[in-house]
Each structure stands twice: as C-alpha cells, then as structure tokens.
Amino acid sequence: MIKYNPILFGAVLALGSCVSNKRSEQAPRAPSTVTAFQVKPETIPAVFEFVGVARSSHPVQIRARVEGYLWSVDYDEGSAVKIGDPLFKLDPRPFIASLEEANGILSREEAVLWRTKKALERTAALFPKNAVSQRDLDNATAAVMAAEASVISAKASVEQAALNLSFTNITSPIDGLTGRAIYQEGTLISPNVNGLLTEVSVIDPIWVLFSVSDNELLRGKGETAKKQLVLPPKQQYTVRLQLSDNSFFPYKGEVNFMAPTLDPATGALVVRATFPNPEGMILPGQFVRAYVTGAYRPNAICVPGKSILQGRDGMYVFVINKDSTVSLRNVEVGERFEQYWIIKEGLKEGESVVVDGTNKLSDGSSVKVTSVVPPPDLKIPQESTQ
C-alpha cells in the first residue's frame, strides 16, 4: 500500500504552478483591434461662432411736429402697421382756426393786389397825356409789386397752416411693428419736451449684430496667419443663426457692415449681418448664436475627435507605427470642425492615428487595424454647425 506523503505532494503542486505561470508569462498577448484614420492635408471651411443680438434694420421714432393735446391713440400697441396707417391724432381745432385765419388774410391781400393793379392801369393810361407825373406812375407800380409780395407771403402762411393741421394726424412712415404708446389721450404734447410718442421698427429684413474680439482679429493677420486662414474677398461672409431652442433660422444672412474701428469700451469690432425675416421669427432684442462661414483653412491637418485624448501633459493621440505598434504622441489642438479637431503641431501627412479602441492601449501596444475611418465631408451642414 502506497503511503500519502503531504510534503512530497505539496512540492509537486508548487512545481506545477511555477511551470504554469512561466508558460503564461511567455505567451504572447494578442494585438488590440482598432480603427484608424490616415492624416491628410485638407482645405477645411472655417466656421466662427459668435453671440449676436437682433436689431431692426430701420427703426423710426414717431415724434410730434406740432404742439397740442393728444386727441386719440389710433393703433393697437405692438401690432404691425403699413405706410400711412394712423397712429395718433392731436386736437385739430386750433390748427383749423389758424388755417381759416390764414385763408382770410390771403383773401384780403388778393383784394389789395386787385385794387393796386386797377390803380396802376388808370395811372398808366393818364401818363401819356401828362395828366400824372412819373412819380405817380412809379408809386402805382411799386404798390402792385408790394401787394404781389403780400399775396405770396399770405399763400405761404396758408400752406404752413395746412401743413401744421396735417401734422395733427400722425401716421406710420414705414411698414413695421409698433411699440407701446408712451402717452395717452389728454396729454399736452410739445415737440421739444415730450414729442416722442412711440417707435415703429422694420423687421424684414432684420439685422443681427455681433462683436469680434481683437484676439480673433489678430489670428487672421500676419504672414503665418494668412497661410493658416484665407479670408473671403470683400467681406463675402455667410451667416446662419441658431435660435434659443437650438433650431436653425431657415434663412441665410450676409455681412453688410464691419466697423472701421474697435469699440474702446469692449475692445471688439462690431459686425452686422442682414437676414430676410418674412415670418417675423426674429424680433429686435432677441439673442441668437451666429455661425459665420466664408473663410477656409488651406492644408489643414485634422483628426476625428474620438482620437484625441487628454493626459497630464496635454492632448495626445496614438500613432500607428509600421510594425503595428502604437506610440503616444502629444499634439497641439486648434479649432474644431464638426466632429474633427484641427491639429496645429504633432502630426504630419501620411501618419495614421487610432480612432476607436484607444481605451485598451498604452505606449508600445500592438494593434490590428480592422477598418479605416473615411476623410471628413467638407460640406458645411445646413442644420447643424458645431
């Protein structure tokens, strides 16, 4: 009968375990499967993002031009009006009286003119017969001329009185949206004191103003900047707007003004874009997000955003070597275009980086490329610009 020796049995188990661990350490690790992206210079559209505020393209302050009591408010506050629609009416009675008085003065002066003309005719008929002197003829002629001048002055007074009467009917000079009525019926309105009655604003087209900082301006200047960013000629920028609900405004706009100087209070350059706004979706004072396109970046190096990782020393990528291993490489990241990042420094044409599968890698890991990510679609999307 074989006797059980616990010491010998333990030694055999320990020896087997050592052999098993040694075999496990010597077994080669299978390469990680990854997807790759090959670096290639591309001409990338440059998209600049700003916060803008809408402004009326034609705001008009409605002011009284004559003094009088406010007779009526003839519009619904906040409503849309057309050219010629009534807004306010001042008490017309004093101006009607002034017009009648001016007409009376005109009639009197016309009568004086008629009388002086008849006197001149009689004097002129008697002058060849030496019945009147040259002085009498000159006085009659001068009297006619003075009467004619008085008639001209009286007609001007009639026109002025009629004009003042017309100013009591205050109408809209443009098509637009009305503001609130600042004063109500019964208020004494004086042009020099409280003549502002309301405001009418054109909203089609609508303007959007945004500010470009001096840092952003400097990025587009200089020889190095010109190689990295090409601006469109004659400020031919296209602007799209994103509203507060993240939807995009259906109409594109164009930049139609850039301030020649920086605002000393903000250190920024004011830029204005104009948009068609037939449905009135955008109102003055509304904040929007503006995406400005038209410039482009020639020979830009870009990689998918998923290939960029954050480390203690900054951003890095895994570059695939010829021997199917990867090397960790720090990169300098620039602007973002859709789901791609532009790389300023760290990569060059022809190199490949890992896109999917980076969580399984470390510096020197073996990889097996299962698929290649296609190059970016350089068309700017119509409904999303991130």
Protein backbone atom coordinates (compact mmCIF):
# COMPACT_ATOMS: atom_id res chain seq x y z
CA MET A 1 0.00 0.00 0.00
CA ILE A 2 1.32 3.46 -1.04
CA LYS A 3 1.57 5.89 1.84
CA TYR A 4 0.43 9.52 1.41
CA ASN A 5 3.28 12.00 1.90
CA PRO A 6 1.89 15.51 2.33
CA ILE A 7 5.28 17.21 1.98
CA LEU A 8 6.03 15.50 -1.31
CA PHE A 9 2.51 16.22 -2.63
CA GLY A 10 2.84 19.95 -1.80
CA ALA A 11 6.17 20.18 -3.59
CA VAL A 12 4.67 18.61 -6.72
CA LEU A 13 1.78 21.14 -6.71
CA ALA A 14 4.16 24.08 -6.26
CA LEU A 15 6.36 22.88 -9.13
CA GLY A 16 3.31 22.55 -11.41
CA SER A 17 2.15 26.02 -10.51
CA CYS A 18 5.54 27.55 -11.35
CA VAL A 19 5.64 25.84 -14.70
CA SER A 20 2.09 27.07 -15.47
CA ASN A 21 2.90 30.70 -14.55
CA LYS A 22 6.07 30.64 -16.61
CA ARG A 23 4.15 29.42 -19.65
CA SER A 24 1.51 32.15 -19.09
CA GLU A 25 4.16 34.89 -18.92
CA GLN A 26 5.83 33.69 -22.07
CA ALA A 27 2.54 33.54 -24.05
CA PRO A 28 2.36 36.50 -26.48
CA ARG A 29 -0.50 38.98 -25.94
CA ALA A 30 -2.98 39.24 -28.81
CA PRO A 31 -2.96 42.68 -30.59
CA SER A 32 -5.83 45.04 -29.85
CA THR A 33 -8.30 45.62 -32.66
CA VAL A 34 -8.65 49.30 -33.58
CA THR A 35 -9.96 51.57 -36.30
CA ALA A 36 -7.53 54.02 -37.87
CA PHE A 37 -7.54 57.38 -39.61
CA GLN A 38 -4.86 58.41 -42.07
CA VAL A 39 -3.70 62.00 -41.78
CA LYS A 40 -4.02 64.02 -44.96
CA PRO A 41 -3.96 67.82 -45.51
CA GLU A 42 -7.42 69.15 -46.29
CA THR A 43 -8.96 72.50 -47.15
CA ILE A 44 -11.26 72.99 -44.18
CA PRO A 45 -14.05 75.58 -44.11
CA ALA A 46 -13.56 77.90 -41.15
CA VAL A 47 -16.66 78.35 -39.01
CA PHE A 48 -16.64 81.17 -36.45
CA GLU A 49 -19.20 81.22 -33.68
CA PHE A 50 -20.49 84.39 -32.01
CA VAL A 51 -23.35 85.50 -29.82
CA GLY A 52 -25.45 88.09 -31.64
CA VAL A 53 -28.40 90.32 -30.88
CA ALA A 54 -31.12 91.23 -33.37
CA ARG A 55 -31.82 94.84 -34.25
CA SER A 56 -34.39 96.47 -36.51
CA SER A 57 -32.96 97.33 -39.90
CA HIS A 58 -34.96 100.56 -39.93
CA PRO A 59 -36.17 101.83 -36.53
CA VAL A 60 -38.17 105.06 -36.72
CA GLN A 61 -39.02 107.25 -33.75
CA ILE A 62 -42.52 108.67 -34.13
CA ARG A 63 -42.48 112.26 -32.88
CA ALA A 64 -44.98 115.08 -32.76
CA ARG A 65 -44.11 118.02 -35.02
CA VAL A 66 -46.58 120.49 -33.53
CA GLU A 67 -47.75 121.23 -30.02
CA GLY A 68 -51.20 120.15 -28.99
CA TYR A 69 -53.28 117.90 -26.79
CA LEU A 70 -53.25 114.20 -27.65
CA TRP A 71 -56.71 113.58 -29.06
CA SER A 72 -56.57 109.79 -29.67
CA VAL A 73 -54.29 106.75 -29.98
CA ASP A 74 -55.36 105.08 -33.22
CA TYR A 75 -53.39 101.82 -33.27
CA ASP A 76 -53.05 98.62 -31.29
CA GLU A 77 -49.77 98.71 -29.42
CA GLY A 78 -47.35 96.06 -30.65
CA SER A 79 -49.26 95.46 -33.88
CA ALA A 80 -47.92 95.53 -37.44
CA VAL A 81 -48.72 98.65 -39.45
CA LYS A 82 -48.35 99.74 -43.06
CA ILE A 83 -47.21 103.04 -44.52
CA GLY A 84 -49.89 105.67 -43.92
CA ASP A 85 -51.74 103.80 -41.16
CA PRO A 86 -52.94 106.21 -38.42
CA LEU A 87 -51.07 106.14 -35.13
CA PHE A 88 -52.03 109.28 -33.18
CA LYS A 89 -54.20 112.34 -33.55
CA LEU A 90 -53.69 115.71 -31.89
CA ASP A 91 -56.54 118.13 -31.20
CA PRO A 92 -57.01 119.70 -34.66
CA ARG A 93 -59.32 122.61 -33.69
CA PRO A 94 -56.64 125.27 -33.04
CA PHE A 95 -54.96 124.38 -36.33
CA ILE A 96 -58.26 124.53 -38.25
CA ALA A 97 -58.76 128.03 -36.86
CA SER A 98 -55.22 129.03 -37.85
CA LEU A 99 -55.83 127.75 -41.37
CA GLU A 100 -59.08 129.73 -41.68
CA GLU A 101 -57.33 132.84 -40.41
CA ALA A 102 -54.54 132.39 -42.94
CA ASN A 103 -57.08 131.96 -45.74
CA GLY A 104 -58.79 135.19 -44.65
CA ILE A 105 -55.51 137.10 -44.72
CA LEU A 106 -54.80 135.68 -48.17
CA SER A 107 -58.19 136.85 -49.45
CA ARG A 108 -57.57 140.34 -48.09
CA GLU A 109 -54.14 140.57 -49.68
CA GLU A 110 -55.54 139.36 -53.00
CA ALA A 111 -58.13 142.16 -52.79
CA VAL A 112 -55.40 144.70 -52.13
CA LEU A 113 -53.49 143.36 -55.12
CA TRP A 114 -56.60 143.71 -57.32
CA ARG A 115 -57.08 147.32 -56.20
CA THR A 116 -53.45 148.28 -56.81
CA LYS A 117 -53.49 146.71 -60.25
CA LYS A 118 -56.59 148.77 -61.19
CA ALA A 119 -54.90 151.92 -59.89
CA LEU A 120 -51.82 151.15 -61.95
CA GLU A 121 -53.94 150.68 -65.05
CA ARG A 122 -55.55 154.13 -64.58
CA THR A 123 -52.24 155.82 -63.86
CA ALA A 124 -50.58 154.20 -66.86
CA ALA A 125 -53.43 155.43 -69.14
CA LEU A 126 -53.09 159.02 -67.89
CA PHE A 127 -49.30 159.15 -68.02
CA PRO A 128 -49.01 159.65 -71.86
CA LYS A 129 -51.41 162.60 -71.59
CA ASN A 130 -49.18 164.19 -68.93
CA ALA A 131 -52.12 164.02 -66.51
CA VAL A 132 -49.96 162.28 -63.90
CA SER A 133 -46.29 162.55 -63.09
CA GLN A 134 -43.60 159.93 -63.42
CA ARG A 135 -43.57 159.72 -59.66
CA ASP A 136 -47.27 158.81 -59.58
CA LEU A 137 -46.64 156.02 -62.11
CA ASP A 138 -43.68 154.71 -60.11
CA ASN A 139 -45.70 154.72 -56.87
CA ALA A 140 -48.56 152.81 -58.52
CA THR A 141 -46.12 150.24 -59.91
CA ALA A 142 -44.43 149.82 -56.52
CA ALA A 143 -47.81 149.38 -54.85
CA VAL A 144 -48.64 146.50 -57.22
CA MET A 145 -45.29 144.82 -56.53
CA ALA A 146 -45.76 145.15 -52.75
CA ALA A 147 -49.26 143.73 -53.00
CA GLU A 148 -47.98 140.79 -55.02
CA ALA A 149 -45.33 140.12 -52.35
CA SER A 150 -48.01 140.24 -49.65
CA VAL A 151 -50.09 137.69 -51.56
CA ILE A 152 -47.08 135.38 -51.84
CA SER A 153 -46.48 135.69 -48.08
CA ALA A 154 -50.14 135.05 -47.32
CA LYS A 155 -50.15 131.94 -49.53
CA ALA A 156 -47.10 130.65 -47.66
CA SER A 157 -48.94 131.20 -44.38
CA VAL A 158 -51.89 129.21 -45.70
CA GLU A 159 -49.58 126.37 -46.74
CA GLN A 160 -47.87 126.43 -43.34
CA ALA A 161 -51.21 126.37 -41.52
CA ALA A 162 -52.42 123.49 -43.70
CA LEU A 163 -49.17 121.64 -43.05
CA ASN A 164 -49.49 122.13 -39.30
CA LEU A 165 -53.05 120.85 -39.49
CA SER A 166 -51.84 117.74 -41.35
CA PHE A 167 -49.27 117.16 -38.58
CA THR A 168 -52.13 116.56 -36.15
CA ASN A 169 -52.74 113.26 -37.96
CA ILE A 170 -49.64 111.20 -37.17
CA THR A 171 -49.27 108.17 -39.45
CA SER A 172 -46.67 105.46 -39.90
CA PRO A 173 -43.91 106.36 -42.38
CA ILE A 174 -42.89 102.69 -42.87
CA ASP A 175 -44.14 99.11 -42.70
CA GLY A 176 -43.16 97.64 -39.35
CA LEU A 177 -44.02 96.71 -35.78
CA THR A 178 -45.24 99.36 -33.39
CA GLY A 179 -44.04 99.92 -29.87
CA ARG A 180 -46.04 100.99 -26.86
CA ALA A 181 -47.69 104.40 -26.79
CA ILE A 182 -45.66 106.50 -24.40
CA TYR A 183 -48.51 108.95 -23.72
CA GLN A 184 -52.28 108.57 -23.61
CA GLU A 185 -55.20 110.83 -24.55
CA GLY A 186 -55.32 114.24 -22.91
CA THR A 187 -51.56 114.73 -22.59
CA LEU A 188 -50.19 118.06 -23.79
CA ILE A 189 -47.56 117.12 -26.37
CA SER A 190 -44.67 119.50 -27.04
CA PRO A 191 -42.13 118.59 -29.74
CA ASN A 192 -39.18 119.87 -27.72
CA VAL A 193 -40.20 118.30 -24.40
CA ASN A 194 -42.21 115.10 -24.82
CA GLY A 195 -42.50 114.80 -28.57
CA LEU A 196 -41.52 111.10 -28.75
CA LEU A 197 -44.76 109.14 -28.98
CA THR A 198 -43.68 105.62 -29.96
CA GLU A 199 -41.34 103.70 -32.28
CA VAL A 200 -42.01 101.67 -35.42
CA SER A 201 -39.42 99.05 -36.38
CA VAL A 202 -38.82 97.28 -39.67
CA ILE A 203 -38.15 93.58 -39.02
CA ASP A 204 -37.95 92.36 -42.61
CA PRO A 205 -35.08 92.45 -43.24
CA ILE A 206 -33.69 92.08 -39.72
CA TRP A 207 -30.15 92.93 -38.63
CA VAL A 208 -28.01 90.84 -36.30
CA LEU A 209 -25.03 92.48 -34.60
CA PHE A 210 -22.13 90.60 -33.02
CA SER A 211 -18.69 91.52 -31.76
CA VAL A 212 -15.33 90.17 -32.92
CA SER A 213 -12.60 90.46 -30.27
CA ASP A 214 -9.19 91.87 -31.05
CA ASN A 215 -7.65 88.44 -30.35
CA GLU A 216 -9.76 86.89 -33.10
CA LEU A 217 -8.85 89.71 -35.46
CA LEU A 218 -5.13 89.19 -34.83
CA ARG A 219 -5.45 85.48 -35.61
CA GLY A 220 -6.34 86.40 -39.19
CA LYS A 221 -3.47 88.81 -39.68
CA GLY A 222 0.25 88.35 -40.36
CA GLU A 223 2.04 86.10 -42.81
CA THR A 224 1.72 82.99 -40.64
CA ALA A 225 -1.98 83.59 -40.08
CA LYS A 226 -2.59 84.12 -43.79
CA LYS A 227 -1.10 80.69 -44.51
CA GLN A 228 -3.40 79.10 -41.95
CA LEU A 229 -6.56 81.08 -42.70
CA VAL A 230 -7.74 82.55 -46.02
CA LEU A 231 -10.43 85.23 -45.75
CA PRO A 232 -13.08 85.80 -48.44
CA PRO A 233 -12.77 88.86 -50.70
CA LYS A 234 -14.90 91.94 -49.98
CA GLN A 235 -16.25 90.53 -46.70
CA GLN A 236 -18.35 87.93 -48.52
CA TYR A 237 -19.27 86.01 -45.39
CA THR A 238 -22.36 83.87 -44.99
CA VAL A 239 -24.09 83.76 -41.61
CA ARG A 240 -26.50 81.21 -40.16
CA LEU A 241 -28.41 81.67 -36.94
CA GLN A 242 -29.24 79.20 -34.19
CA LEU A 243 -32.20 80.16 -32.03
CA SER A 244 -32.67 79.65 -28.30
CA ASP A 245 -34.48 76.33 -28.84
CA ASN A 246 -31.42 75.06 -30.79
CA SER A 247 -33.32 75.17 -34.08
CA PHE A 248 -31.76 76.93 -37.04
CA PHE A 249 -33.25 80.01 -38.67
CA PRO A 250 -34.31 78.96 -42.20
CA TYR A 251 -32.75 81.96 -43.98
CA LYS A 252 -29.09 82.70 -44.51
CA GLY A 253 -27.66 86.16 -43.99
CA GLU A 254 -24.79 88.22 -45.34
CA VAL A 255 -22.36 90.53 -43.59
CA ASN A 256 -23.13 94.06 -44.79
CA PHE A 257 -21.11 96.17 -42.35
CA MET A 258 -17.91 95.94 -40.32
CA ALA A 259 -16.97 98.83 -38.05
CA PRO A 260 -13.74 100.53 -39.15
CA THR A 261 -12.51 100.83 -35.54
CA LEU A 262 -12.65 98.86 -32.32
CA ASP A 263 -15.02 99.85 -29.56
CA PRO A 264 -12.70 101.18 -26.81
CA ALA A 265 -15.15 100.03 -24.12
CA THR A 266 -15.14 96.38 -25.20
CA GLY A 267 -12.02 96.06 -27.37
CA ALA A 268 -14.13 94.42 -30.06
CA LEU A 269 -15.16 95.10 -33.63
CA VAL A 270 -18.90 95.36 -34.30
CA VAL A 271 -20.09 93.31 -37.30
CA ARG A 272 -23.58 93.46 -38.78
CA ALA A 273 -25.37 90.87 -40.89
CA THR A 274 -28.75 91.22 -42.62
CA PHE A 275 -31.36 88.45 -42.93
CA PRO A 276 -34.73 88.13 -44.65
CA ASN A 277 -37.39 87.75 -41.96
CA PRO A 278 -40.76 87.46 -43.74
CA GLU A 279 -42.46 85.45 -40.97
CA GLY A 280 -41.14 87.67 -38.20
CA MET A 281 -39.46 84.76 -36.39
CA ILE A 282 -36.70 87.03 -35.11
CA LEU A 283 -37.60 90.17 -33.17
CA PRO A 284 -35.42 93.14 -32.20
CA GLY A 285 -33.54 92.47 -28.97
CA GLN A 286 -33.53 88.69 -29.44
CA PHE A 287 -30.25 86.87 -28.74
CA VAL A 288 -29.07 84.28 -31.24
CA ARG A 289 -25.95 82.25 -31.97
CA ALA A 290 -24.31 83.25 -35.24
CA TYR A 291 -22.12 80.91 -37.32
CA VAL A 292 -20.02 82.81 -39.83
CA THR A 293 -18.56 80.99 -42.85
CA GLY A 294 -16.70 82.08 -45.95
CA ALA A 295 -13.09 81.74 -44.81
CA TYR A 296 -11.16 78.49 -45.12
CA ARG A 297 -8.00 76.84 -43.79
CA PRO A 298 -5.70 75.51 -46.53
CA ASN A 299 -3.61 72.37 -45.98
CA ALA A 300 -5.07 71.79 -42.53
CA ILE A 301 -4.32 68.60 -40.59
CA CYS A 302 -7.41 67.27 -38.85
CA VAL A 303 -8.30 64.08 -36.99
CA PRO A 304 -11.57 62.68 -35.58
CA GLY A 305 -12.41 63.99 -32.14
CA LYS A 306 -12.51 60.45 -30.69
CA SER A 307 -8.79 60.02 -31.41
CA ILE A 308 -7.85 62.95 -29.14
CA LEU A 309 -7.16 62.02 -25.51
CA GLN A 310 -6.45 64.22 -22.50
CA GLY A 311 -3.33 63.49 -20.47
CA ARG A 312 -1.42 65.15 -17.67
CA ASP A 313 0.81 66.90 -20.20
CA GLY A 314 -1.99 67.94 -22.53
CA MET A 315 -3.70 66.38 -25.53
CA TYR A 316 -2.27 63.27 -27.18
CA VAL A 317 -3.00 60.62 -29.81
CA PHE A 318 -1.84 57.09 -30.50
CA VAL A 319 0.15 57.00 -33.75
CA ILE A 320 0.31 53.62 -35.52
CA ASN A 321 3.85 52.58 -36.41
CA LYS A 322 4.92 50.43 -39.35
CA ASP A 323 5.48 47.43 -37.04
CA SER A 324 1.80 47.57 -35.94
CA THR A 325 2.62 49.08 -32.57
CA VAL A 326 1.44 52.45 -31.32
CA SER A 327 3.31 55.42 -29.92
CA LEU A 328 1.81 58.00 -27.62
CA ARG A 329 2.37 61.48 -29.08
CA ASN A 330 1.44 64.87 -27.69
CA VAL A 331 -0.31 67.23 -30.11
CA GLU A 332 -1.36 70.89 -30.15
CA VAL A 333 -5.05 71.15 -30.89
CA GLY A 334 -6.63 74.09 -32.74
CA GLU A 335 -10.24 74.80 -33.70
CA ARG A 336 -12.97 72.22 -34.08
CA PHE A 337 -14.79 71.49 -37.35
CA GLU A 338 -17.87 69.32 -36.85
CA GLN A 339 -16.57 66.10 -35.22
CA TYR A 340 -12.96 66.79 -36.22
CA TRP A 341 -10.16 68.66 -34.49
CA ILE A 342 -7.57 70.66 -36.39
CA ILE A 343 -4.02 69.76 -35.29
CA LYS A 344 -1.55 72.64 -35.21
CA GLU A 345 1.53 70.64 -34.19
CA GLY A 346 2.39 66.97 -33.67
CA LEU A 347 1.21 65.15 -36.80
CA LYS A 348 2.22 65.10 -40.44
CA GLU A 349 0.83 63.82 -43.69
CA GLY A 350 0.73 60.04 -44.16
CA GLU A 351 0.67 59.09 -40.49
CA SER A 352 -2.22 57.08 -39.05
CA VAL A 353 -3.84 57.52 -35.66
CA VAL A 354 -6.12 55.26 -33.64
CA VAL A 355 -9.76 56.34 -33.56
CA ASP A 356 -11.70 53.53 -31.85
CA GLY A 357 -10.07 51.27 -29.29
CA THR A 358 -7.85 53.81 -27.53
CA ASN A 359 -9.07 52.70 -24.10
CA LYS A 360 -7.20 49.40 -24.48
CA LEU A 361 -3.87 50.91 -25.49
CA SER A 362 -0.70 52.13 -23.89
CA ASP A 363 2.57 53.31 -25.37
CA GLY A 364 4.06 50.41 -27.37
CA SER A 365 0.91 48.29 -27.56
CA SER A 366 0.40 46.03 -30.59
CA VAL A 367 -2.67 46.73 -32.69
CA LYS A 368 -4.58 45.25 -35.56
CA VAL A 369 -6.40 47.72 -37.82
CA THR A 370 -9.83 46.37 -38.69
CA SER A 371 -11.20 49.41 -40.56
CA VAL A 372 -10.22 52.90 -41.72
CA VAL A 373 -12.29 56.00 -40.98
CA PRO A 374 -13.03 57.95 -44.21
CA PRO A 375 -11.84 61.56 -44.62
CA PRO A 376 -14.19 64.34 -43.49
CA ASP A 377 -17.09 65.57 -45.58
CA LEU A 378 -16.16 69.20 -46.08
CA LYS A 379 -19.69 70.40 -46.83
CA ILE A 380 -21.00 72.58 -44.03
CA PRO A 381 -24.25 71.04 -42.74
CA GLN A 382 -27.41 73.04 -43.21
CA GLU A 383 -29.00 72.26 -39.87
CA SER A 384 -26.07 71.73 -37.51
CA THR A 385 -22.84 73.59 -37.22
CA GLN A 386 -20.94 72.62 -34.11
